[in-house]
PDB file of N, CA and C in Angstrom:
ATOM      1  N   UNK A   1       0.879  -1.129   0.021  1.00  0.00           N
ATOM      2  CA  UNK A   1       0.109   0.033  -0.048  1.00  0.00           C
ATOM      3  C   UNK A   1       0.834   1.251   0.056  1.00  0.00           C
ATOM      4  N   UNK A   2       0.619   2.139  -0.848  1.00  0.00           N
ATOM      5  CA  UNK A   2       1.369   3.358  -0.979  1.00  0.00           C
ATOM      6  C   UNK A   2       0.948   4.535  -0.109  1.00  0.00           C
ATOM      7  N   UNK A   3       1.880   5.179   0.580  1.00  0.00           N
ATOM      8  CA  UNK A   3       1.502   6.276   1.424  1.00  0.00           C
ATOM      9  C   UNK A   3       1.854   7.597   0.782  1.00  0.00           C
ATOM     10  N   UNK A   4       1.122   8.626   0.816  1.00  0.00           N
ATOM     11  CA  UNK A   4       1.478   9.913   0.156  1.00  0.00           C
ATOM     12  C   UNK A   4       1.274  10.968   1.301  1.00  0.00           C
ATOM     13  N   UNK A   5       2.130  11.837   1.224  1.00  0.00           N
ATOM     14  CA  UNK A   5       2.257  12.887   2.227  1.00  0.00           C
ATOM     15  C   UNK A   5       1.201  14.038   1.519  1.00  0.00           C
ATOM     16  N   UNK A   6       0.123  14.409   2.425  1.00  0.00           N
ATOM     17  CA  UNK A   6      -0.638  15.358   1.951  1.00  0.00           C
ATOM     18  C   UNK A   6      -0.420  16.753   2.765  1.00  0.00           C
ATOM     19  N   UNK A   7      -0.205  17.720   1.980  1.00  0.00           N
ATOM     20  CA  UNK A   7       0.233  19.190   2.483  1.00  0.00           C
ATOM     21  C   UNK A   7      -1.008  19.763   3.312  1.00  0.00           C
ATOM     22  N   UNK A   8      -0.927  20.125   4.414  1.00  0.00           N
ATOM     23  CA  UNK A   8      -1.824  20.901   5.142  1.00  0.00           C
ATOM     24  C   UNK A   8      -1.606  22.356   5.196  1.00  0.00           C
ATOM     25  N   UNK A   9      -2.670  23.299   5.137  1.00  0.00           N
ATOM     26  CA  UNK A   9      -2.614  24.728   5.119  1.00  0.00           C
ATOM     27  C   UNK A   9      -3.521  25.141   6.181  1.00  0.00           C
ATOM     28  N   UNK A  10      -2.815  25.262   7.395  1.00  0.00           N
ATOM     29  CA  UNK A  10      -3.686  25.848   8.698  1.00  0.00           C
ATOM     30  C   UNK A  10      -3.649  27.333   8.843  1.00  0.00           C
ATOM     31  N   UNK A  11      -3.353  28.032   7.798  1.00  0.00           N
ATOM     32  CA  UNK A  11      -3.368  29.524   7.963  1.00  0.00           C
ATOM     33  C   UNK A  11      -4.673  30.047   7.599  1.00  0.00           C
ATOM     34  N   UNK A  12      -5.664  29.214   7.210  1.00  0.00           N
ATOM     35  CA  UNK A  12      -6.973  29.682   6.699  1.00  0.00           C
ATOM     36  C   UNK A  12      -7.924  29.276   7.772  1.00  0.00           C
ATOM     37  N   UNK A  13      -8.823  30.100   8.298  1.00  0.00           N
ATOM     38  CA  UNK A  13      -9.823  29.765   9.342  1.00  0.00           C
ATOM     39  C   UNK A  13     -11.118  29.845   8.475  1.00  0.00           C
ATOM     40  N   UNK A  14     -11.948  28.736   8.784  1.00  0.00           N
ATOM     41  CA  UNK A  14     -13.374  28.761   8.244  1.00  0.00           C
ATOM     42  C   UNK A  14     -14.285  29.591   8.984  1.00  0.00           C
ATOM     43  N   UNK A  15     -14.901  30.453   8.228  1.00  0.00           N
ATOM     44  CA  UNK A  15     -15.988  31.488   8.890  1.00  0.00           C
ATOM     45  C   UNK A  15     -17.219  30.688   9.040  1.00  0.00           C
ATOM     46  N   UNK A  16     -17.551  30.419  10.403  1.00  0.00           N
ATOM     47  CA  UNK A  16     -18.627  29.569  10.645  1.00  0.00           C
ATOM     48  C   UNK A  16     -19.847  30.512  10.950  1.00  0.00           C
ATOM     49  N   UNK A  17     -19.711  31.686  11.524  1.00  0.00           N
ATOM     50  CA  UNK A  17     -20.884  32.485  12.053  1.00  0.00           C
ATOM     51  C   UNK A  17     -21.166  33.691  11.031  1.00  0.00           C
ATOM     52  N   UNK A  18     -22.176  33.218  10.276  1.00  0.00           N
ATOM     53  CA  UNK A  18     -22.597  34.307   9.216  1.00  0.00           C
ATOM     54  C   UNK A  18     -21.674  34.502   8.118  1.00  0.00           C
ATOM     55  N   UNK A  19     -20.673  33.565   7.950  1.00  0.00           N
ATOM     56  CA  UNK A  19     -19.773  33.743   6.897  1.00  0.00           C
ATOM     57  C   UNK A  19     -18.634  34.894   7.231  1.00  0.00           C
ATOM     58  N   UNK A  20     -18.713  35.442   8.517  1.00  0.00           N
ATOM     59  CA  UNK A  20     -17.903  36.573   8.649  1.00  0.00           C
ATOM     60  C   UNK A  20     -16.975  36.258   9.817  1.00  0.00           C
ATOM     61  N   UNK A  21     -17.366  35.470  10.810  1.00  0.00           N
ATOM     62  CA  UNK A  21     -16.518  35.311  11.935  1.00  0.00           C
ATOM     63  C   UNK A  21     -16.241  33.833  12.210  1.00  0.00           C
ATOM     64  N   UNK A  22     -14.948  33.466  12.463  1.00  0.00           N
ATOM     65  CA  UNK A  22     -14.532  32.169  12.732  1.00  0.00           C
ATOM     66  C   UNK A  22     -14.995  31.970  14.260  1.00  0.00           C
ATOM     67  N   UNK A  23     -14.717  30.696  14.719  1.00  0.00           N
ATOM     68  CA  UNK A  23     -15.081  30.199  15.945  1.00  0.00           C
ATOM     69  C   UNK A  23     -13.985  31.011  17.019  1.00  0.00           C
ATOM     70  N   UNK A  24     -12.903  31.231  16.637  1.00  0.00           N
ATOM     71  CA  UNK A  24     -11.948  31.913  17.590  1.00  0.00           C
ATOM     72  C   UNK A  24     -12.410  33.286  17.683  1.00  0.00           C
ATOM     73  N   UNK A  25     -12.723  33.895  16.615  1.00  0.00           N
ATOM     74  CA  UNK A  25     -13.085  35.394  16.700  1.00  0.00           C
ATOM     75  C   UNK A  25     -14.583  35.604  17.401  1.00  0.00           C
ATOM     76  N   UNK A  26     -15.437  34.552  17.294  1.00  0.00           N
ATOM     77  CA  UNK A  26     -16.705  34.730  18.147  1.00  0.00           C
ATOM     78  C   UNK A  26     -16.468  34.446  19.419  1.00  0.00           C
ATOM     79  N   UNK A  27     -15.539  33.540  19.854  1.00  0.00           N
ATOM     80  CA  UNK A  27     -15.135  33.427  21.315  1.00  0.00           C
ATOM     81  C   UNK A  27     -14.579  34.694  21.882  1.00  0.00           C
ATOM     82  N   UNK A  28     -13.787  35.445  21.212  1.00  0.00           N
ATOM     83  CA  UNK A  28     -13.269  36.733  21.680  1.00  0.00           C
ATOM     84  C   UNK A  28     -14.319  37.718  21.754  1.00  0.00           C
ATOM     85  N   UNK A  29     -15.383  37.719  20.841  1.00  0.00           N
ATOM     86  CA  UNK A  29     -16.326  38.628  20.917  1.00  0.00           C
ATOM     87  C   UNK A  29     -17.269  38.275  22.119  1.00  0.00           C
ATOM     88  N   UNK A  30     -17.515  37.026  22.359  1.00  0.00           N
ATOM     89  CA  UNK A  30     -18.406  36.813  23.529  1.00  0.00           C
ATOM     90  C   UNK A  30     -17.531  37.206  24.832  1.00  0.00           C
ATOM     91  N   UNK A  31     -16.352  36.979  24.945  1.00  0.00           N
ATOM     92  CA  UNK A  31     -15.579  37.427  26.132  1.00  0.00           C
ATOM     93  C   UNK A  31     -15.526  38.912  26.266  1.00  0.00           C
ATOM     94  N   UNK A  32     -15.591  39.607  25.183  1.00  0.00           N
ATOM     95  CA  UNK A  32     -15.717  41.065  25.400  1.00  0.00           C
ATOM     96  C   UNK A  32     -16.967  41.468  25.666  1.00  0.00           C
ATOM     97  N   UNK A  33     -18.151  40.801  25.394  1.00  0.00           N
ATOM     98  CA  UNK A  33     -19.334  41.153  25.866  1.00  0.00           C
ATOM     99  C   UNK A  33     -19.661  40.609  27.318  1.00  0.00           C
ATOM    100  N   UNK A  34     -18.959  39.606  27.713  1.00  0.00           N
ATOM    101  CA  UNK A  34     -18.979  39.267  29.096  1.00  0.00           C
ATOM    102  C   UNK A  34     -18.343  40.234  29.920  1.00  0.00           C
ATOM    103  N   UNK A  35     -17.311  40.967  29.525  1.00  0.00           N
ATOM    104  CA  UNK A  35     -16.625  41.791  30.338  1.00  0.00           C
ATOM    105  C   UNK A  35     -17.397  43.164  30.863  1.00  0.00           C
ATOM    106  N   UNK A  36     -18.804  43.071  30.401  1.00  0.00           N
ATOM    107  CA  UNK A  36     -19.668  44.204  30.961  1.00  0.00           C
ATOM    108  C   UNK A  36     -19.650  43.971  32.501  1.00  0.00           C
ATOM    109  N   UNK A  37     -19.477  42.615  32.957  1.00  0.00           N
ATOM    110  CA  UNK A  37     -19.559  42.555  34.404  1.00  0.00           C
ATOM    111  C   UNK A  37     -18.632  43.396  35.118  1.00  0.00           C
ATOM    112  N   UNK A  38     -17.578  43.912  34.608  1.00  0.00           N
ATOM    113  CA  UNK A  38     -16.680  44.747  35.129  1.00  0.00           C
ATOM    114  C   UNK A  38     -17.404  46.029  35.697  1.00  0.00           C
ATOM    115  N   UNK A  39     -18.317  46.464  35.044  1.00  0.00           N
ATOM    116  CA  UNK A  39     -19.020  47.575  35.364  1.00  0.00           C
ATOM    117  C   UNK A  39     -19.817  47.335  36.746  1.00  0.00           C
ATOM    118  N   UNK A  40     -20.114  46.270  37.072  1.00  0.00           N
ATOM    119  CA  UNK A  40     -20.778  45.991  38.390  1.00  0.00           C
ATOM    120  C   UNK A  40     -19.892  45.880  39.701  1.00  0.00           C
ATOM    121  N   UNK A  41     -18.572  45.968  39.507  1.00  0.00           N
ATOM    122  CA  UNK A  41     -17.678  45.969  40.551  1.00  0.00           C
ATOM    123  C   UNK A  41     -18.018  47.201  41.603  1.00  0.00           C
ATOM    124  N   UNK A  42     -17.476  47.155  42.814  1.00  0.00           N
ATOM    125  CA  UNK A  42     -17.743  48.226  43.787  1.00  0.00           C
ATOM    126  C   UNK A  42     -16.427  49.080  43.768  1.00  0.00           C
ATOM    127  N   UNK A  43     -16.115  49.754  42.748  1.00  0.00           N
ATOM    128  CA  UNK A  43     -14.858  50.580  42.516  1.00  0.00           C
ATOM    129  C   UNK A  43     -15.282  51.786  41.929  1.00  0.00           C
ATOM    130  N   UNK A  44     -14.472  52.813  41.852  1.00  0.00           N
ATOM    131  CA  UNK A  44     -14.669  53.983  41.218  1.00  0.00           C
ATOM    132  C   UNK A  44     -15.214  53.864  39.686  1.00  0.00           C
ATOM    133  N   UNK A  45     -15.991  54.753  39.166  1.00  0.00           N
ATOM    134  CA  UNK A  45     -16.539  54.576  37.883  1.00  0.00           C
ATOM    135  C   UNK A  45     -15.471  54.856  36.953  1.00  0.00           C
ATOM    136  N   UNK A  46     -14.453  55.660  37.197  1.00  0.00           N
ATOM    137  CA  UNK A  46     -13.418  55.907  36.201  1.00  0.00           C
ATOM    138  C   UNK A  46     -12.438  54.629  35.851  1.00  0.00           C
ATOM    139  N   UNK A  47     -12.267  53.975  37.059  1.00  0.00           N
ATOM    140  CA  UNK A  47     -11.516  52.778  36.957  1.00  0.00           C
ATOM    141  C   UNK A  47     -12.267  51.805  36.225  1.00  0.00           C
ATOM    142  N   UNK A  48     -13.555  51.621  36.621  1.00  0.00           N
ATOM    143  CA  UNK A  48     -14.364  50.769  35.784  1.00  0.00           C
ATOM    144  C   UNK A  48     -14.490  50.886  34.400  1.00  0.00           C
ATOM    145  N   UNK A  49     -14.530  52.150  33.987  1.00  0.00           N
ATOM    146  CA  UNK A  49     -14.611  52.457  32.453  1.00  0.00           C
ATOM    147  C   UNK A  49     -13.186  52.196  31.896  1.00  0.00           C
ATOM    148  N   UNK A  50     -12.211  52.529  32.490  1.00  0.00           N
ATOM    149  CA  UNK A  50     -10.734  52.305  31.986  1.00  0.00           C
ATOM    150  C   UNK A  50     -10.583  50.781  31.826  1.00  0.00           C
ATOM    151  N   UNK A  51     -10.922  50.018  32.805  1.00  0.00           N
ATOM    152  CA  UNK A  51     -10.786  48.508  32.824  1.00  0.00           C
ATOM    153  C   UNK A  51     -11.646  47.865  31.684  1.00  0.00           C
ATOM    154  N   UNK A  52     -12.925  48.467  31.648  1.00  0.00           N
ATOM    155  CA  UNK A  52     -13.840  47.845  30.498  1.00  0.00           C
ATOM    156  C   UNK A  52     -13.234  48.020  29.106  1.00  0.00           C
ATOM    157  N   UNK A  53     -12.845  49.260  28.964  1.00  0.00           N
ATOM    158  CA  UNK A  53     -12.420  49.538  27.613  1.00  0.00           C
ATOM    159  C   UNK A  53     -11.173  48.979  27.261  1.00  0.00           C
ATOM    160  N   UNK A  54     -10.284  48.800  28.178  1.00  0.00           N
ATOM    161  CA  UNK A  54      -8.933  48.128  27.934  1.00  0.00           C
ATOM    162  C   UNK A  54      -9.169  46.567  27.744  1.00  0.00           C
ATOM    163  N   UNK A  55     -10.058  45.895  28.453  1.00  0.00           N
ATOM    164  CA  UNK A  55     -10.184  44.389  28.244  1.00  0.00           C
ATOM    165  C   UNK A  55     -10.965  44.337  26.868  1.00  0.00           C
ATOM    166  N   UNK A  56     -12.024  45.003  26.538  1.00  0.00           N
ATOM    167  CA  UNK A  56     -12.723  44.947  25.301  1.00  0.00           C
ATOM    168  C   UNK A  56     -11.713  45.214  24.209  1.00  0.00           C
ATOM    169  N   UNK A  57     -10.816  46.393  24.213  1.00  0.00           N
ATOM    170  CA  UNK A  57      -9.825  46.495  23.113  1.00  0.00           C
ATOM    171  C   UNK A  57      -8.966  45.405  22.911  1.00  0.00           C
ATOM    172  N   UNK A  58      -8.505  44.773  24.058  1.00  0.00           N
ATOM    173  CA  UNK A  58      -7.576  43.590  24.002  1.00  0.00           C
ATOM    174  C   UNK A  58      -8.243  42.439  23.177  1.00  0.00           C
ATOM    175  N   UNK A  59      -9.436  42.104  23.524  1.00  0.00           N
ATOM    176  CA  UNK A  59     -10.252  41.004  23.014  1.00  0.00           C
ATOM    177  C   UNK A  59     -10.568  41.214  21.501  1.00  0.00           C
ATOM    178  N   UNK A  60     -10.874  42.645  21.274  1.00  0.00           N
ATOM    179  CA  UNK A  60     -11.120  42.787  19.656  1.00  0.00           C
ATOM    180  C   UNK A  60      -9.834  42.785  19.013  1.00  0.00           C
ATOM    181  N   UNK A  61      -8.803  43.184  19.498  1.00  0.00           N
ATOM    182  CA  UNK A  61      -7.473  43.120  18.858  1.00  0.00           C
ATOM    183  C   UNK A  61      -7.060  41.713  18.657  1.00  0.00           C
ATOM    184  N   UNK A  62      -7.293  40.722  19.624  1.00  0.00           N
ATOM    185  CA  UNK A  62      -6.896  39.412  19.538  1.00  0.00           C
ATOM    186  C   UNK A  62      -7.806  38.771  18.485  1.00  0.00           C
ATOM    187  N   UNK A  63      -9.029  39.299  18.231  1.00  0.00           N
ATOM    188  CA  UNK A  63      -9.939  38.569  17.236  1.00  0.00           C
ATOM    189  C   UNK A  63      -9.614  39.068  15.963  1.00  0.00           C
ATOM    190  N   UNK A  64      -9.134  40.300  15.642  1.00  0.00           N
ATOM    191  CA  UNK A  64      -9.242  40.786  14.216  1.00  0.00           C
ATOM    192  C   UNK A  64      -7.859  41.140  13.670  1.00  0.00           C
ATOM    193  N   UNK A  65      -6.865  41.495  14.505  1.00  0.00           N
ATOM    194  CA  UNK A  65      -5.490  42.041  14.129  1.00  0.00           C
ATOM    195  C   UNK A  65      -4.716  40.862  13.645  1.00  0.00           C
ATOM    196  N   UNK A  66      -4.183  41.062  12.502  1.00  0.00           N
ATOM    197  CA  UNK A  66      -3.225  40.151  11.939  1.00  0.00           C
ATOM    198  C   UNK A  66      -1.797  40.767  11.841  1.00  0.00           C
ATOM    199  N   UNK A  67      -0.758  40.085  12.401  1.00  0.00           N
ATOM    200  CA  UNK A  67       0.589  40.493  12.271  1.00  0.00           C
ATOM    201  C   UNK A  67       1.406  39.732  11.449  1.00  0.00           C
ATOM    202  N   UNK A  68       1.579  40.142   9.926  1.00  0.00           N
ATOM    203  CA  UNK A  68       2.043  39.068   9.119  1.00  0.00           C
ATOM    204  C   UNK A  68       0.937  38.175   8.791  1.00  0.00           C
ATOM    205  N   UNK A  69       1.247  36.828   8.911  1.00  0.00           N
ATOM    206  CA  UNK A  69       0.227  35.827   8.651  1.00  0.00           C
ATOM    207  C   UNK A  69      -0.340  35.324  10.145  1.00  0.00           C
ATOM    208  N   UNK A  70      -0.043  35.871  11.063  1.00  0.00           N
ATOM    209  CA  UNK A  70      -0.336  35.401  12.291  1.00  0.00           C
ATOM    210  C   UNK A  70      -1.363  36.274  13.181  1.00  0.00           C
ATOM    211  N   UNK A  71      -2.348  35.806  13.566  1.00  0.00           N
ATOM    212  CA  UNK A  71      -3.323  36.655  14.570  1.00  0.00           C
ATOM    213  C   UNK A  71      -2.671  37.065  15.702  1.00  0.00           C
ATOM    214  N   UNK A  72      -3.173  38.075  16.268  1.00  0.00           N
ATOM    215  CA  UNK A  72      -2.521  38.741  17.353  1.00  0.00           C
ATOM    216  C   UNK A  72      -2.372  37.911  18.654  1.00  0.00           C
ATOM    217  N   UNK A  73      -3.522  37.181  18.927  1.00  0.00           N
ATOM    218  CA  UNK A  73      -3.533  36.313  20.083  1.00  0.00           C
ATOM    219  C   UNK A  73      -2.438  35.135  19.977  1.00  0.00           C
ATOM    220  N   UNK A  74      -2.338  34.628  18.909  1.00  0.00           N
ATOM    221  CA  UNK A  74      -1.192  33.517  18.725  1.00  0.00           C
ATOM    222  C   UNK A  74       0.293  34.241  18.790  1.00  0.00           C
ATOM    223  N   UNK A  75       0.379  35.436  18.243  1.00  0.00           N
ATOM    224  CA  UNK A  75       1.619  36.124  18.348  1.00  0.00           C
ATOM    225  C   UNK A  75       1.850  36.429  19.892  1.00  0.00           C
ATOM    226  N   UNK A  76       0.782  36.893  20.766  1.00  0.00           N
ATOM    227  CA  UNK A  76       1.133  37.290  22.079  1.00  0.00           C
ATOM    228  C   UNK A  76       1.362  35.885  22.810  1.00  0.00           C
ATOM    229  N   UNK A  77       0.743  34.734  22.604  1.00  0.00           N
ATOM    230  CA  UNK A  77       1.091  33.536  23.265  1.00  0.00           C
ATOM    231  C   UNK A  77       2.427  33.068  22.948  1.00  0.00           C
ATOM    232  N   UNK A  78       2.872  33.359  21.542  1.00  0.00           N
ATOM    233  CA  UNK A  78       4.328  32.905  21.344  1.00  0.00           C
ATOM    234  C   UNK A  78       5.212  33.987  22.079  1.00  0.00           C
ATOM    235  N   UNK A  79       4.972  35.043  22.213  1.00  0.00           N
ATOM    236  CA  UNK A  79       5.935  35.927  22.917  1.00  0.00           C
ATOM    237  C   UNK A  79       5.865  35.470  24.306  1.00  0.00           C
ATOM    238  N   UNK A  80       4.642  35.198  25.030  1.00  0.00           N
ATOM    239  CA  UNK A  80       4.738  34.633  26.450  1.00  0.00           C
ATOM    240  C   UNK A  80       5.622  33.331  26.556  1.00  0.00           C
ATOM    241  N   UNK A  81       5.409  32.453  25.583  1.00  0.00           N
ATOM    242  CA  UNK A  81       6.210  31.112  25.742  1.00  0.00           C
ATOM    243  C   UNK A  81       7.730  31.357  25.538  1.00  0.00           C
ATOM    244  N   UNK A  82       7.973  32.344  24.766  1.00  0.00           N
ATOM    245  CA  UNK A  82       9.455  32.718  24.782  1.00  0.00           C
ATOM    246  C   UNK A  82       9.993  33.267  25.849  1.00  0.00           C
ATOM    247  N   UNK A  83       9.261  34.202  26.641  1.00  0.00           N
ATOM    248  CA  UNK A  83       9.649  34.773  27.914  1.00  0.00           C
ATOM    249  C   UNK A  83       9.746  33.741  28.966  1.00  0.00           C
ATOM    250  N   UNK A  84       8.759  32.865  29.091  1.00  0.00           N
ATOM    251  CA  UNK A  84       8.731  31.877  30.287  1.00  0.00           C
ATOM    252  C   UNK A  84       9.292  30.635  29.953  1.00  0.00           C
ATOM    253  N   UNK A  85       9.997  30.368  28.802  1.00  0.00           N
ATOM    254  CA  UNK A  85      10.645  29.066  28.449  1.00  0.00           C
ATOM    255  C   UNK A  85      11.852  28.927  29.266  1.00  0.00           C
ATOM    256  N   UNK A  86      12.320  27.688  29.578  1.00  0.00           N
ATOM    257  CA  UNK A  86      13.529  27.450  30.370  1.00  0.00           C
ATOM    258  C   UNK A  86      14.650  27.733  29.349  1.00  0.00           C
ATOM    259  N   UNK A  87      15.488  28.695  29.860  1.00  0.00           N
ATOM    260  CA  UNK A  87      16.732  29.300  29.181  1.00  0.00           C
ATOM    261  C   UNK A  87      17.900  28.531  29.610  1.00  0.00           C
ATOM    262  N   UNK A  88      18.902  28.264  28.636  1.00  0.00           N
ATOM    263  CA  UNK A  88      20.179  27.705  28.919  1.00  0.00           C
ATOM    264  C   UNK A  88      21.245  28.835  28.718  1.00  0.00           C
ATOM    265  N   UNK A  89      21.799  28.975  29.904  1.00  0.00           N
ATOM    266  CA  UNK A  89      22.900  30.096  29.716  1.00  0.00           C
ATOM    267  C   UNK A  89      24.345  29.313  29.824  1.00  0.00           C
ATOM    268  N   UNK A  90      25.157  29.805  28.805  1.00  0.00           N
ATOM    269  CA  UNK A  90      26.553  29.319  28.846  1.00  0.00           C
ATOM    270  C   UNK A  90      27.399  30.510  29.050  1.00  0.00           C
ATOM    271  N   UNK A  91      28.494  30.387  30.072  1.00  0.00           N
ATOM    272  CA  UNK A  91      29.308  31.371  30.235  1.00  0.00           C
ATOM    273  C   UNK A  91      30.695  30.930  29.803  1.00  0.00           C
ATOM    274  N   UNK A  92      31.350  31.680  28.882  1.00  0.00           N
ATOM    275  CA  UNK A  92      32.609  31.309  28.468  1.00  0.00           C
ATOM    276  C   UNK A  92      33.477  32.567  28.416  1.00  0.00           C
ATOM    277  N   UNK A  93      34.843  32.349  28.447  1.00  0.00           N
ATOM    278  CA  UNK A  93      35.751  33.334  28.342  1.00  0.00           C
ATOM    279  C   UNK A  93      36.761  33.130  27.360  1.00  0.00           C
TER     280      UNK A  93
END
Protein backbone atom coordinates (compact mmCIF):
# COMPACT_ATOMS: atom_id res chain seq x y z
CA UNK A 1 0.00 0.00 0.00
CA UNK A 2 1.41 3.40 -0.99
CA UNK A 3 1.55 6.29 1.45
CA UNK A 4 1.40 9.84 0.18
CA UNK A 5 2.13 12.97 2.17
CA UNK A 6 -0.72 15.46 1.99
CA UNK A 7 0.20 19.11 2.56
CA UNK A 8 -1.90 20.94 5.15
CA UNK A 9 -2.63 24.64 5.12
CA UNK A 10 -3.63 25.79 8.61
CA UNK A 11 -3.34 29.52 7.90
CA UNK A 12 -6.96 29.62 6.71
CA UNK A 13 -9.85 29.80 9.21
CA UNK A 14 -13.31 28.67 8.25
CA UNK A 15 -15.89 31.42 8.79
CA UNK A 16 -18.65 29.66 10.72
CA UNK A 17 -20.82 32.49 12.08
CA UNK A 18 -22.64 34.24 9.23
CA UNK A 19 -19.70 33.77 6.90
CA UNK A 20 -17.86 36.62 8.65
CA UNK A 21 -16.56 35.31 11.98
CA UNK A 22 -14.56 32.19 12.78
CA UNK A 23 -15.04 30.22 15.98
CA UNK A 24 -11.96 31.85 17.53
CA UNK A 25 -13.16 35.34 16.67
CA UNK A 26 -16.64 34.61 18.03
CA UNK A 27 -15.12 33.39 21.30
CA UNK A 28 -13.26 36.69 21.71
CA UNK A 29 -16.43 38.64 20.87
CA UNK A 30 -18.36 36.71 23.56
CA UNK A 31 -15.59 37.32 26.10
CA UNK A 32 -15.64 41.04 25.33
CA UNK A 33 -19.43 41.08 25.83
CA UNK A 34 -19.07 39.22 29.15
CA UNK A 35 -16.59 41.87 30.31
CA UNK A 36 -19.60 44.12 30.95
CA UNK A 37 -19.54 42.46 34.37
CA UNK A 38 -16.62 44.75 35.22
CA UNK A 39 -19.11 47.62 35.41
CA UNK A 40 -20.83 45.96 38.41
CA UNK A 41 -17.73 46.00 40.64
CA UNK A 42 -17.67 48.21 43.75
CA UNK A 43 -14.90 50.57 42.65
CA UNK A 44 -14.70 54.06 41.19
CA UNK A 45 -16.55 54.65 37.91
CA UNK A 46 -13.41 55.92 36.16
CA UNK A 47 -11.49 52.77 37.05
CA UNK A 48 -14.44 50.66 35.87
CA UNK A 49 -14.56 52.44 32.50
CA UNK A 50 -10.79 52.23 31.99
CA UNK A 51 -10.77 48.51 32.85
CA UNK A 52 -13.79 47.81 30.63
CA UNK A 53 -12.42 49.56 27.56
CA UNK A 54 -8.94 48.08 27.98
CA UNK A 55 -10.33 44.50 28.26
CA UNK A 56 -12.69 44.99 25.31
CA UNK A 57 -9.95 46.52 23.15
CA UNK A 58 -7.57 43.64 23.94
CA UNK A 59 -10.19 41.04 23.00
CA UNK A 60 -11.15 42.86 19.80
CA UNK A 61 -7.47 43.15 18.90
CA UNK A 62 -6.95 39.43 19.53
CA UNK A 63 -9.96 38.63 17.35
CA UNK A 64 -9.24 40.73 14.26
CA UNK A 65 -5.64 42.04 14.11
CA UNK A 66 -3.17 40.11 11.96
CA UNK A 67 0.57 40.60 12.29
CA UNK A 68 2.04 39.17 9.12
CA UNK A 69 0.20 35.87 8.68
CA UNK A 70 -0.36 35.32 12.41
CA UNK A 71 -3.32 36.61 14.42
CA UNK A 72 -2.47 38.81 17.40
CA UNK A 73 -3.53 36.25 20.02
CA UNK A 74 -1.20 33.55 18.70
CA UNK A 75 1.57 36.16 18.38
CA UNK A 76 1.01 37.21 22.02
CA UNK A 77 1.04 33.60 23.25
CA UNK A 78 4.24 32.91 21.30
CA UNK A 79 5.86 35.91 23.01
CA UNK A 80 4.74 34.61 26.42
CA UNK A 81 6.13 31.15 25.62
CA UNK A 82 9.44 32.71 24.62
CA UNK A 83 9.66 34.76 27.81
CA UNK A 84 8.76 31.94 30.20
CA UNK A 85 10.57 29.04 28.55
CA UNK A 86 13.49 27.39 30.25
CA UNK A 87 16.63 29.13 29.12
CA UNK A 88 20.08 27.67 28.87
CA UNK A 89 22.93 30.05 29.73
CA UNK A 90 26.54 29.29 28.86
CA UNK A 91 29.33 31.41 30.21
CA UNK A 92 32.63 31.33 28.37
CA UNK A 93 35.80 33.35 28.43
